[in-house]
Amino acid sequence: MLAVDSGGSGLRVVVKSPAGGPSAQRESREPVRTGARGIDPGHLMTQLVPMVRALTAETGVSALSTAAVGAAGLASLGDALRAELPGALGREFGIRSVALAADAVTAYVGALGPRPGAVVAAGTGLIAMGTDLTCWHRSDGWGHLLGDCGSGAWIGRAGLEAALRAYDGRPGGSTELLARAEEMFGPMPGLPGRLYPRQDRPAVLASFAPQVAACADADQIAADILRVAARHMAESAAAVCPTAGAPQVAVTGGLFKMGDPLLTPLREELSQRLPHAPLVSAAGDPLAGSVRIADDLAAGTLTLPSDEAMLCVMTGAED
């Protein structure tokens, strides 16, 4: 089987033989392009084909029958991918069954597996996914201008606002964050000119989030920013978490490498809003979720709810 994780930082691919045989992984640091048609299936295949050929040679896997592809932006930018990728995988590799999933779904499956609950996936952006195993629910994930509340970009922007408030002499400013902002970006009057023209504004904002966490122990403004971020995360989790059964909650993504300055208030917020859903450690990452979906698809045991935008199983064609 073939498992793919296509995200904002590149492409990760696993080829695995059935029945617990050998597996191998490759990685590309080039993100799949998006254009007028959304995610570009041709660019995905251009990267994928040589990686899969190398992996099948390495593992000795002679035939691939199933694939799971998790892709960032699938829900809103995936029409071309849904239309063309299953056929392309069928022609190139003989793959007959393809599960296409939003990266939020693979993040969920990697973290919790096929069980009810909610997962907050947070890095530069943020989205919460939940399911009662009959349908999927999402909260936020609307991008840094309209949402992604509590994300790395959100925290970084709030930290830079506090730095600018200190520079201006307005209430709510942090001289510690001002010093760190000037160390990273130079004098504050030049910050808008350096930030606004860039196409990677969310990533630039998120790059300041670790500085906010580093100040949180000694700076109340920084600590308050992380507390509000944790509240936003917990609100998103509560919006999608099932109210019945025995759901669990997990968090996943690079933002949580901040550790206790963010995790401590997040645990408190989640316990208040979701007392029936314990917070558990994520079992794996989105690539692990793609592997799990591919394994279950191959075994005929895929029980996750289907959704045209979030998770659908399609049939490829060899000719």
C-alpha atoms as a PDB file:
ATOM      1  CA  MET A   1       0.000   0.000   0.000  1.00  0.00           C
ATOM      2  CA  LEU A   2       0.919   3.661  -0.485  1.00  0.00           C
ATOM      3  CA  ALA A   3       0.461   6.453   2.070  1.00  0.00           C
ATOM      4  CA  VAL A   4       1.051  10.142   1.324  1.00  0.00           C
ATOM      5  CA  ASP A   5       1.076  13.265   3.482  1.00  0.00           C
ATOM      6  CA  SER A   6       1.047  16.434   1.362  1.00  0.00           C
ATOM      7  CA  GLY A   7       1.358  19.572   3.455  1.00  0.00           C
ATOM      8  CA  GLY A   8       2.625  23.101   3.490  1.00  0.00           C
ATOM      9  CA  SER A   9       6.214  22.017   4.083  1.00  0.00           C
ATOM     10  CA  GLY A  10       6.424  19.302   1.452  1.00  0.00           C
ATOM     11  CA  LEU A  11       5.549  15.708   0.692  1.00  0.00           C
ATOM     12  CA  ARG A  12       6.083  12.553   2.759  1.00  0.00           C
ATOM     13  CA  VAL A  13       5.516   9.116   1.276  1.00  0.00           C
ATOM     14  CA  VAL A  14       5.429   5.586   2.706  1.00  0.00           C
ATOM     15  CA  VAL A  15       5.317   2.320   0.763  1.00  0.00           C
ATOM     16  CA  LYS A  16       4.457  -0.725   2.832  1.00  0.00           C
ATOM     17  CA  SER A  17       3.968  -4.365   1.980  1.00  0.00           C
ATOM     18  CA  PRO A  18       0.888  -6.160   3.320  1.00  0.00           C
ATOM     19  CA  ALA A  19       0.766  -8.361   6.405  1.00  0.00           C
ATOM     20  CA  GLY A  20       3.419  -6.464   8.324  1.00  0.00           C
ATOM     21  CA  GLY A  21       6.144  -6.712   5.711  1.00  0.00           C
ATOM     22  CA  PRO A  22       8.863  -4.132   5.056  1.00  0.00           C
ATOM     23  CA  SER A  23       8.100  -0.441   4.716  1.00  0.00           C
ATOM     24  CA  ALA A  24      10.150   2.588   3.693  1.00  0.00           C
ATOM     25  CA  GLN A  25       9.711   6.346   3.605  1.00  0.00           C
ATOM     26  CA  ARG A  26      10.819   9.258   1.415  1.00  0.00           C
ATOM     27  CA  GLU A  27      10.391  13.003   1.843  1.00  0.00           C
ATOM     28  CA  SER A  28      10.391  16.068  -0.401  1.00  0.00           C
ATOM     29  CA  ARG A  29      10.710  19.613   0.902  1.00  0.00           C
ATOM     30  CA  GLU A  30       8.838  21.070  -2.079  1.00  0.00           C
ATOM     31  CA  PRO A  31       5.143  21.726  -1.358  1.00  0.00           C
ATOM     32  CA  VAL A  32       2.662  20.710  -4.024  1.00  0.00           C
ATOM     33  CA  ARG A  33       1.632  23.747  -6.025  1.00  0.00           C
ATOM     34  CA  THR A  34      -1.821  25.280  -6.032  1.00  0.00           C
ATOM     35  CA  GLY A  35      -3.213  27.314  -8.887  1.00  0.00           C
ATOM     36  CA  ALA A  36      -6.450  28.357 -10.539  1.00  0.00           C
ATOM     37  CA  ARG A  37      -7.665  24.735 -10.430  1.00  0.00           C
ATOM     38  CA  GLY A  38      -6.644  24.273  -6.817  1.00  0.00           C
ATOM     39  CA  ILE A  39      -4.128  21.615  -5.784  1.00  0.00           C
ATOM     40  CA  ASP A  40      -2.143  20.647  -8.884  1.00  0.00           C
ATOM     41  CA  PRO A  41      -2.414  16.863  -9.447  1.00  0.00           C
ATOM     42  CA  GLY A  42       0.258  16.971 -12.145  1.00  0.00           C
ATOM     43  CA  HIS A  43       2.809  18.530  -9.819  1.00  0.00           C
ATOM     44  CA  LEU A  44       1.913  16.007  -7.120  1.00  0.00           C
ATOM     45  CA  MET A  45       2.478  13.108  -9.518  1.00  0.00           C
ATOM     46  CA  THR A  46       5.744  14.625 -10.820  1.00  0.00           C
ATOM     47  CA  GLN A  47       7.124  14.407  -7.297  1.00  0.00           C
ATOM     48  CA  LEU A  48       5.373  11.203  -6.298  1.00  0.00           C
ATOM     49  CA  VAL A  49       6.329   8.908  -9.191  1.00  0.00           C
ATOM     50  CA  PRO A  50      10.116   8.825  -8.654  1.00  0.00           C
ATOM     51  CA  MET A  51       9.681   8.570  -4.896  1.00  0.00           C
ATOM     52  CA  VAL A  52       7.319   5.618  -5.179  1.00  0.00           C
ATOM     53  CA  ARG A  53       9.550   3.891  -7.758  1.00  0.00           C
ATOM     54  CA  ALA A  54      12.496   4.190  -5.379  1.00  0.00           C
ATOM     55  CA  LEU A  55      10.459   2.950  -2.431  1.00  0.00           C
ATOM     56  CA  THR A  56       9.072  -0.087  -4.243  1.00  0.00           C
ATOM     57  CA  ALA A  57      12.588  -1.024  -5.283  1.00  0.00           C
ATOM     58  CA  GLU A  58      13.813  -0.588  -1.710  1.00  0.00           C
ATOM     59  CA  THR A  59      11.029  -2.643  -0.122  1.00  0.00           C
ATOM     60  CA  GLY A  60      10.628  -5.225  -2.860  1.00  0.00           C
ATOM     61  CA  VAL A  61       6.900  -4.465  -3.057  1.00  0.00           C
ATOM     62  CA  SER A  62       5.932  -5.586  -6.542  1.00  0.00           C
ATOM     63  CA  ALA A  63       2.332  -4.365  -6.628  1.00  0.00           C
ATOM     64  CA  LEU A  64       0.352  -1.569  -5.009  1.00  0.00           C
ATOM     65  CA  SER A  65      -3.421  -1.931  -4.775  1.00  0.00           C
ATOM     66  CA  THR A  66      -4.461   0.791  -2.340  1.00  0.00           C
ATOM     67  CA  ALA A  67      -3.400   4.319  -1.474  1.00  0.00           C
ATOM     68  CA  ALA A  68      -4.318   6.973   1.077  1.00  0.00           C
ATOM     69  CA  VAL A  69      -3.437  10.577   0.261  1.00  0.00           C
ATOM     70  CA  GLY A  70      -3.795  13.277   2.886  1.00  0.00           C
ATOM     71  CA  ALA A  71      -3.600  16.766   1.393  1.00  0.00           C
ATOM     72  CA  ALA A  72      -3.613  20.231   2.889  1.00  0.00           C
ATOM     73  CA  GLY A  73      -6.411  22.304   1.351  1.00  0.00           C
ATOM     74  CA  LEU A  74      -8.346  19.306  -0.016  1.00  0.00           C
ATOM     75  CA  ALA A  75     -11.702  20.515   1.292  1.00  0.00           C
ATOM     76  CA  SER A  76     -11.651  23.803  -0.614  1.00  0.00           C
ATOM     77  CA  LEU A  77      -8.962  23.280  -3.267  1.00  0.00           C
ATOM     78  CA  GLY A  78      -9.286  19.591  -4.091  1.00  0.00           C
ATOM     79  CA  ASP A  79     -11.609  19.370  -7.113  1.00  0.00           C
ATOM     80  CA  ALA A  80      -8.832  18.694  -9.633  1.00  0.00           C
ATOM     81  CA  LEU A  81      -7.149  16.247  -7.265  1.00  0.00           C
ATOM     82  CA  ARG A  82     -10.373  14.279  -6.806  1.00  0.00           C
ATOM     83  CA  ALA A  83     -10.999  14.276 -10.553  1.00  0.00           C
ATOM     84  CA  GLU A  84      -7.530  13.252 -11.733  1.00  0.00           C
ATOM     85  CA  LEU A  85      -5.407  11.653  -9.020  1.00  0.00           C
ATOM     86  CA  PRO A  86      -7.125   8.221  -8.734  1.00  0.00           C
ATOM     87  CA  GLY A  87      -6.788   7.648 -12.469  1.00  0.00           C
ATOM     88  CA  ALA A  88      -3.169   8.790 -12.477  1.00  0.00           C
ATOM     89  CA  LEU A  89      -2.307   6.451  -9.614  1.00  0.00           C
ATOM     90  CA  GLY A  90      -4.062   3.620 -11.417  1.00  0.00           C
ATOM     91  CA  ARG A  91      -2.145   4.199 -14.649  1.00  0.00           C
ATOM     92  CA  GLU A  92       1.265   4.613 -13.001  1.00  0.00           C
ATOM     93  CA  PHE A  93       1.108   1.970 -10.261  1.00  0.00           C
ATOM     94  CA  GLY A  94      -1.989  -0.166 -10.837  1.00  0.00           C
ATOM     95  CA  ILE A  95      -3.631   1.215  -7.716  1.00  0.00           C
ATOM     96  CA  ARG A  96      -7.333   0.442  -7.696  1.00  0.00           C
ATOM     97  CA  SER A  97      -8.626   2.082  -4.481  1.00  0.00           C
ATOM     98  CA  VAL A  98      -7.643   5.566  -3.329  1.00  0.00           C
ATOM     99  CA  ALA A  99      -8.725   7.310  -0.140  1.00  0.00           C
ATOM    100  CA  LEU A 100      -8.403  11.097  -0.454  1.00  0.00           C
ATOM    101  CA  ALA A 101      -8.443  12.887   2.877  1.00  0.00           C
ATOM    102  CA  ALA A 102      -8.025  16.414   4.141  1.00  0.00           C
ATOM    103  CA  ASP A 103      -4.882  16.789   6.213  1.00  0.00           C
ATOM    104  CA  ALA A 104      -7.093  17.580   9.208  1.00  0.00           C
ATOM    105  CA  VAL A 105      -8.607  14.096   8.873  1.00  0.00           C
ATOM    106  CA  THR A 106      -5.225  12.378   8.653  1.00  0.00           C
ATOM    107  CA  ALA A 107      -4.111  14.436  11.657  1.00  0.00           C
ATOM    108  CA  TYR A 108      -7.185  13.173  13.512  1.00  0.00           C
ATOM    109  CA  VAL A 109      -6.618   9.538  12.556  1.00  0.00           C
ATOM    110  CA  GLY A 110      -2.926   9.755  13.363  1.00  0.00           C
ATOM    111  CA  ALA A 111      -3.700  11.173  16.786  1.00  0.00           C
ATOM    112  CA  LEU A 112      -6.748   9.152  17.890  1.00  0.00           C
ATOM    113  CA  GLY A 113      -7.380   6.465  15.291  1.00  0.00           C
ATOM    114  CA  PRO A 114     -10.934   5.432  14.334  1.00  0.00           C
ATOM    115  CA  ARG A 115     -12.645   6.426  17.589  1.00  0.00           C
ATOM    116  CA  PRO A 116     -14.965   9.307  18.575  1.00  0.00           C
ATOM    117  CA  GLY A 117     -13.426  12.506  19.825  1.00  0.00           C
ATOM    118  CA  ALA A 118     -11.827  15.782  18.813  1.00  0.00           C
ATOM    119  CA  VAL A 119      -8.342  16.722  17.646  1.00  0.00           C
ATOM    120  CA  VAL A 120      -6.837  20.192  17.536  1.00  0.00           C
ATOM    121  CA  ALA A 121      -4.147  20.428  14.843  1.00  0.00           C
ATOM    122  CA  ALA A 122      -2.062  23.569  15.304  1.00  0.00           C
ATOM    123  CA  GLY A 123       1.013  24.948  13.616  1.00  0.00           C
ATOM    124  CA  THR A 124       1.109  28.130  11.572  1.00  0.00           C
ATOM    125  CA  GLY A 125      -2.678  27.674  11.254  1.00  0.00           C
ATOM    126  CA  LEU A 126      -5.233  25.845  13.370  1.00  0.00           C
ATOM    127  CA  ILE A 127      -8.205  23.574  12.807  1.00  0.00           C
ATOM    128  CA  ALA A 128     -10.222  21.294  15.067  1.00  0.00           C
ATOM    129  CA  MET A 129     -11.782  18.078  13.756  1.00  0.00           C
ATOM    130  CA  GLY A 130     -14.311  15.925  15.528  1.00  0.00           C
ATOM    131  CA  THR A 131     -16.393  12.873  14.773  1.00  0.00           C
ATOM    132  CA  ASP A 132     -18.910  10.556  16.394  1.00  0.00           C
ATOM    133  CA  LEU A 133     -18.035   8.055  13.613  1.00  0.00           C
ATOM    134  CA  THR A 134     -21.178   8.960  11.672  1.00  0.00           C
ATOM    135  CA  CYS A 135     -19.986  12.303  10.259  1.00  0.00           C
ATOM    136  CA  TRP A 136     -17.114  14.802  10.456  1.00  0.00           C
ATOM    137  CA  HIS A 137     -17.274  18.221  12.084  1.00  0.00           C
ATOM    138  CA  ARG A 138     -14.714  20.990  11.696  1.00  0.00           C
ATOM    139  CA  SER A 139     -14.111  24.221  13.546  1.00  0.00           C
ATOM    140  CA  ASP A 140     -11.925  27.122  12.411  1.00  0.00           C
ATOM    141  CA  GLY A 141      -9.162  26.540   9.889  1.00  0.00           C
ATOM    142  CA  TRP A 142     -10.263  29.728   8.108  1.00  0.00           C
ATOM    143  CA  GLY A 143      -6.806  31.195   7.608  1.00  0.00           C
ATOM    144  CA  HIS A 144      -4.885  33.891   9.422  1.00  0.00           C
ATOM    145  CA  LEU A 145      -7.064  36.793   8.224  1.00  0.00           C
ATOM    146  CA  LEU A 146     -10.423  35.279   9.174  1.00  0.00           C
ATOM    147  CA  GLY A 147      -9.612  32.762  11.877  1.00  0.00           C
ATOM    148  CA  ASP A 148      -6.979  30.191  12.884  1.00  0.00           C
ATOM    149  CA  CYS A 149      -7.552  31.534  16.379  1.00  0.00           C
ATOM    150  CA  GLY A 150      -4.875  30.373  18.792  1.00  0.00           C
ATOM    151  CA  SER A 151      -2.522  29.294  15.995  1.00  0.00           C
ATOM    152  CA  GLY A 152       1.145  30.115  15.627  1.00  0.00           C
ATOM    153  CA  ALA A 153       0.283  33.009  13.311  1.00  0.00           C
ATOM    154  CA  TRP A 154      -2.336  34.253  15.781  1.00  0.00           C
ATOM    155  CA  ILE A 155       0.080  34.081  18.736  1.00  0.00           C
ATOM    156  CA  GLY A 156       2.870  35.726  16.759  1.00  0.00           C
ATOM    157  CA  ARG A 157       0.598  38.541  15.580  1.00  0.00           C
ATOM    158  CA  ALA A 158      -0.645  39.142  19.143  1.00  0.00           C
ATOM    159  CA  GLY A 159       2.939  39.220  20.381  1.00  0.00           C
ATOM    160  CA  LEU A 160       3.966  41.727  17.734  1.00  0.00           C
ATOM    161  CA  GLU A 161       0.951  43.875  18.531  1.00  0.00           C
ATOM    162  CA  ALA A 162       2.062  43.928  22.185  1.00  0.00           C
ATOM    163  CA  ALA A 163       5.549  44.907  21.027  1.00  0.00           C
ATOM    164  CA  LEU A 164       4.148  47.772  18.934  1.00  0.00           C
ATOM    165  CA  ARG A 165       1.990  48.917  21.841  1.00  0.00           C
ATOM    166  CA  ALA A 166       5.110  49.151  23.971  1.00  0.00           C
ATOM    167  CA  TYR A 167       6.910  51.037  21.210  1.00  0.00           C
ATOM    168  CA  ASP A 168       4.014  53.536  21.013  1.00  0.00           C
ATOM    169  CA  GLY A 169       3.585  53.819  24.777  1.00  0.00           C
ATOM    170  CA  ARG A 170       0.028  52.464  24.643  1.00  0.00           C
ATOM    171  CA  PRO A 171      -1.514  50.257  27.364  1.00  0.00           C
ATOM    172  CA  GLY A 172      -1.095  46.505  26.899  1.00  0.00           C
ATOM    173  CA  GLY A 173       2.455  46.719  25.629  1.00  0.00           C
ATOM    174  CA  SER A 174       5.364  44.456  26.540  1.00  0.00           C
ATOM    175  CA  THR A 175       8.876  45.840  26.609  1.00  0.00           C
ATOM    176  CA  GLU A 176      10.258  42.295  26.665  1.00  0.00           C
ATOM    177  CA  LEU A 177       8.373  41.380  23.484  1.00  0.00           C
ATOM    178  CA  LEU A 178       9.448  44.694  21.954  1.00  0.00           C
ATOM    179  CA  ALA A 179      13.104  43.839  22.557  1.00  0.00           C
ATOM    180  CA  ARG A 180      12.676  40.384  21.047  1.00  0.00           C
ATOM    181  CA  ALA A 181      10.747  41.757  18.060  1.00  0.00           C
ATOM    182  CA  GLU A 182      13.456  44.307  17.293  1.00  0.00           C
ATOM    183  CA  GLU A 183      16.091  41.581  17.591  1.00  0.00           C
ATOM    184  CA  MET A 184      14.233  39.463  15.018  1.00  0.00           C
ATOM    185  CA  PHE A 185      12.839  42.094  12.654  1.00  0.00           C
ATOM    186  CA  GLY A 186      14.784  45.293  13.245  1.00  0.00           C
ATOM    187  CA  PRO A 187      13.356  48.688  14.239  1.00  0.00           C
ATOM    188  CA  MET A 188       9.583  48.636  14.670  1.00  0.00           C
ATOM    189  CA  PRO A 189       8.745  51.470  12.221  1.00  0.00           C
ATOM    190  CA  GLY A 190      10.061  49.259   9.420  1.00  0.00           C
ATOM    191  CA  LEU A 191       8.062  46.158  10.399  1.00  0.00           C
ATOM    192  CA  PRO A 192       4.947  46.836   8.253  1.00  0.00           C
ATOM    193  CA  GLY A 193       7.074  47.365   5.159  1.00  0.00           C
ATOM    194  CA  ARG A 194       8.933  44.121   5.780  1.00  0.00           C
ATOM    195  CA  LEU A 195       5.815  42.089   6.584  1.00  0.00           C
ATOM    196  CA  TYR A 196       2.897  43.235   4.434  1.00  0.00           C
ATOM    197  CA  PRO A 197       4.388  42.668   0.947  1.00  0.00           C
ATOM    198  CA  ARG A 198       5.393  39.069   1.724  1.00  0.00           C
ATOM    199  CA  GLN A 199       3.410  36.107   0.426  1.00  0.00           C
ATOM    200  CA  ASP A 200       4.358  34.024   3.467  1.00  0.00           C
ATOM    201  CA  ARG A 201       2.912  36.407   6.053  1.00  0.00           C
ATOM    202  CA  PRO A 202       1.341  33.652   8.199  1.00  0.00           C
ATOM    203  CA  ALA A 203       4.696  31.867   8.519  1.00  0.00           C
ATOM    204  CA  VAL A 204       6.482  35.129   9.351  1.00  0.00           C
ATOM    205  CA  LEU A 205       3.940  35.898  12.070  1.00  0.00           C
ATOM    206  CA  ALA A 206       4.201  32.339  13.408  1.00  0.00           C
ATOM    207  CA  SER A 207       7.986  32.643  13.602  1.00  0.00           C
ATOM    208  CA  PHE A 208       7.497  35.066  16.502  1.00  0.00           C
ATOM    209  CA  ALA A 209       5.250  32.712  18.496  1.00  0.00           C
ATOM    210  CA  PRO A 210       8.181  30.905  20.226  1.00  0.00           C
ATOM    211  CA  GLN A 211       9.371  34.291  21.473  1.00  0.00           C
ATOM    212  CA  VAL A 212       6.001  34.814  23.146  1.00  0.00           C
ATOM    213  CA  ALA A 213       6.315  31.422  24.843  1.00  0.00           C
ATOM    214  CA  ALA A 214       9.880  32.206  25.931  1.00  0.00           C
ATOM    215  CA  CYS A 215       8.644  35.353  27.710  1.00  0.00           C
ATOM    216  CA  ALA A 216       5.593  33.811  29.341  1.00  0.00           C
ATOM    217  CA  ASP A 217       7.175  32.895  32.694  1.00  0.00           C
ATOM    218  CA  ALA A 218       8.298  36.455  33.420  1.00  0.00           C
ATOM    219  CA  ASP A 219       5.985  38.609  31.277  1.00  0.00           C
ATOM    220  CA  GLN A 220       2.260  38.756  32.093  1.00  0.00           C
ATOM    221  CA  ILE A 221       1.332  40.104  28.663  1.00  0.00           C
ATOM    222  CA  ALA A 222       2.955  37.100  26.972  1.00  0.00           C
ATOM    223  CA  ALA A 223       1.335  34.700  29.448  1.00  0.00           C
ATOM    224  CA  ASP A 224      -2.065  36.282  28.781  1.00  0.00           C
ATOM    225  CA  ILE A 225      -1.608  35.851  25.021  1.00  0.00           C
ATOM    226  CA  LEU A 226      -1.014  32.126  25.482  1.00  0.00           C
ATOM    227  CA  ARG A 227      -3.963  31.848  27.868  1.00  0.00           C
ATOM    228  CA  VAL A 228      -6.277  33.394  25.272  1.00  0.00           C
ATOM    229  CA  ALA A 229      -4.791  31.143  22.576  1.00  0.00           C
ATOM    230  CA  ALA A 230      -5.521  28.111  24.764  1.00  0.00           C
ATOM    231  CA  ARG A 231      -9.084  29.342  25.241  1.00  0.00           C
ATOM    232  CA  HIS A 232      -9.569  29.624  21.487  1.00  0.00           C
ATOM    233  CA  MET A 233      -8.252  26.072  21.007  1.00  0.00           C
ATOM    234  CA  ALA A 234     -10.542  24.681  23.686  1.00  0.00           C
ATOM    235  CA  GLU A 235     -13.534  26.484  22.169  1.00  0.00           C
ATOM    236  CA  SER A 236     -12.788  24.930  18.777  1.00  0.00           C
ATOM    237  CA  ALA A 237     -12.403  21.475  20.326  1.00  0.00           C
ATOM    238  CA  ALA A 238     -15.669  21.857  22.245  1.00  0.00           C
ATOM    239  CA  ALA A 239     -17.476  22.892  19.061  1.00  0.00           C
ATOM    240  CA  VAL A 240     -16.700  19.566  17.349  1.00  0.00           C
ATOM    241  CA  CYS A 241     -16.397  17.041  20.193  1.00  0.00           C
ATOM    242  CA  PRO A 242     -19.251  14.526  20.542  1.00  0.00           C
ATOM    243  CA  THR A 243     -21.341  14.984  23.667  1.00  0.00           C
ATOM    244  CA  ALA A 244     -22.209  11.298  24.061  1.00  0.00           C
ATOM    245  CA  GLY A 245     -20.212   8.098  24.240  1.00  0.00           C
ATOM    246  CA  ALA A 246     -16.628   8.095  25.449  1.00  0.00           C
ATOM    247  CA  PRO A 247     -14.816  10.654  23.293  1.00  0.00           C
ATOM    248  CA  GLN A 248     -11.184  11.587  23.720  1.00  0.00           C
ATOM    249  CA  VAL A 249      -9.335  14.785  22.871  1.00  0.00           C
ATOM    250  CA  ALA A 250      -5.808  15.085  21.473  1.00  0.00           C
ATOM    251  CA  VAL A 251      -3.625  17.883  20.164  1.00  0.00           C
ATOM    252  CA  THR A 252      -1.097  17.582  17.378  1.00  0.00           C
ATOM    253  CA  GLY A 253       1.198  19.837  15.388  1.00  0.00           C
ATOM    254  CA  GLY A 254       4.390  21.805  15.725  1.00  0.00           C
ATOM    255  CA  LEU A 255       2.882  24.591  17.845  1.00  0.00           C
ATOM    256  CA  PHE A 256       2.756  22.315  20.861  1.00  0.00           C
ATOM    257  CA  LYS A 257       6.530  22.083  20.910  1.00  0.00           C
ATOM    258  CA  MET A 258       6.200  25.258  23.000  1.00  0.00           C
ATOM    259  CA  GLY A 259       5.524  22.931  25.911  1.00  0.00           C
ATOM    260  CA  ASP A 260       4.081  23.965  29.259  1.00  0.00           C
ATOM    261  CA  PRO A 261       3.657  27.721  28.630  1.00  0.00           C
ATOM    262  CA  LEU A 262       0.902  26.744  26.179  1.00  0.00           C
ATOM    263  CA  LEU A 263      -0.039  23.242  27.314  1.00  0.00           C
ATOM    264  CA  THR A 264      -0.708  24.130  30.945  1.00  0.00           C
ATOM    265  CA  PRO A 265      -3.436  26.694  30.202  1.00  0.00           C
ATOM    266  CA  LEU A 266      -4.758  24.457  27.421  1.00  0.00           C
ATOM    267  CA  ARG A 267      -5.229  21.535  29.821  1.00  0.00           C
ATOM    268  CA  GLU A 268      -7.116  23.824  32.183  1.00  0.00           C
ATOM    269  CA  GLU A 269      -9.348  25.209  29.453  1.00  0.00           C
ATOM    270  CA  LEU A 270     -10.138  21.753  28.038  1.00  0.00           C
ATOM    271  CA  SER A 271     -10.980  20.330  31.460  1.00  0.00           C
ATOM    272  CA  GLN A 272     -13.489  23.145  31.983  1.00  0.00           C
ATOM    273  CA  ARG A 273     -15.177  22.861  28.592  1.00  0.00           C
ATOM    274  CA  LEU A 274     -14.925  19.105  27.983  1.00  0.00           C
ATOM    275  CA  PRO A 275     -14.983  17.347  31.368  1.00  0.00           C
ATOM    276  CA  HIS A 276     -16.392  14.203  29.712  1.00  0.00           C
ATOM    277  CA  ALA A 277     -13.533  13.942  27.167  1.00  0.00           C
ATOM    278  CA  PRO A 278     -10.068  13.301  28.620  1.00  0.00           C
ATOM    279  CA  LEU A 279      -7.005  14.791  26.955  1.00  0.00           C
ATOM    280  CA  VAL A 280      -4.737  12.004  25.706  1.00  0.00           C
ATOM    281  CA  SER A 281      -1.370  12.006  23.971  1.00  0.00           C
ATOM    282  CA  ALA A 282      -1.499  11.900  20.184  1.00  0.00           C
ATOM    283  CA  ALA A 283      -0.512   8.435  18.966  1.00  0.00           C
ATOM    284  CA  GLY A 284       1.027   9.705  15.740  1.00  0.00           C
ATOM    285  CA  ASP A 285       1.216  12.465  13.145  1.00  0.00           C
ATOM    286  CA  PRO A 286      -0.724  13.014   9.876  1.00  0.00           C
ATOM    287  CA  LEU A 287       1.526  10.607   7.956  1.00  0.00           C
ATOM    288  CA  ALA A 288       0.707   7.924  10.521  1.00  0.00           C
ATOM    289  CA  GLY A 289      -2.940   8.768   9.882  1.00  0.00           C
ATOM    290  CA  SER A 290      -2.496   8.216   6.144  1.00  0.00           C
ATOM    291  CA  VAL A 291      -0.803   4.883   6.843  1.00  0.00           C
ATOM    292  CA  ARG A 292      -3.674   3.813   9.115  1.00  0.00           C
ATOM    293  CA  ILE A 293      -6.285   4.773   6.517  1.00  0.00           C
ATOM    294  CA  ALA A 294      -4.371   2.906   3.777  1.00  0.00           C
ATOM    295  CA  ASP A 295      -4.010  -0.181   5.983  1.00  0.00           C
ATOM    296  CA  ASP A 296      -7.713  -0.212   6.845  1.00  0.00           C
ATOM    297  CA  LEU A 297      -8.685   0.387   3.222  1.00  0.00           C
ATOM    298  CA  ALA A 298      -6.539  -2.547   2.110  1.00  0.00           C
ATOM    299  CA  ALA A 299      -8.019  -4.788   4.818  1.00  0.00           C
ATOM    300  CA  GLY A 300     -11.596  -3.731   4.098  1.00  0.00           C
ATOM    301  CA  THR A 301     -12.009  -2.429   7.646  1.00  0.00           C
ATOM    302  CA  LEU A 302     -12.199   1.334   7.021  1.00  0.00           C
ATOM    303  CA  THR A 303     -14.993   2.549   9.307  1.00  0.00           C
ATOM    304  CA  LEU A 304     -14.418   6.305   9.210  1.00  0.00           C
ATOM    305  CA  PRO A 305     -17.345   8.368   7.912  1.00  0.00           C
ATOM    306  CA  SER A 306     -17.250   9.323   4.247  1.00  0.00           C
ATOM    307  CA  ASP A 307     -17.460  12.967   3.252  1.00  0.00           C
ATOM    308  CA  GLU A 308     -16.949  14.359  -0.242  1.00  0.00           C
ATOM    309  CA  ALA A 309     -14.846  17.254   1.026  1.00  0.00           C
ATOM    310  CA  MET A 310     -13.013  15.608   3.928  1.00  0.00           C
ATOM    311  CA  LEU A 311     -12.630  11.869   3.179  1.00  0.00           C
ATOM    312  CA  CYS A 312     -13.713   9.916   0.153  1.00  0.00           C
ATOM    313  CA  VAL A 313     -12.734   6.560  -1.349  1.00  0.00           C
ATOM    314  CA  MET A 314     -12.383   6.500  -5.126  1.00  0.00           C
ATOM    315  CA  THR A 315     -11.467   3.953  -7.764  1.00  0.00           C
ATOM    316  CA  GLY A 316      -8.526   4.436 -10.093  1.00  0.00           C
ATOM    317  CA  ALA A 317      -8.065   3.153 -13.608  1.00  0.00           C
ATOM    318  CA  GLU A 318      -5.146   1.359 -15.197  1.00  0.00           C
ATOM    319  CA  ASP A 319      -5.934   2.473 -18.699  1.00  0.00           C
END
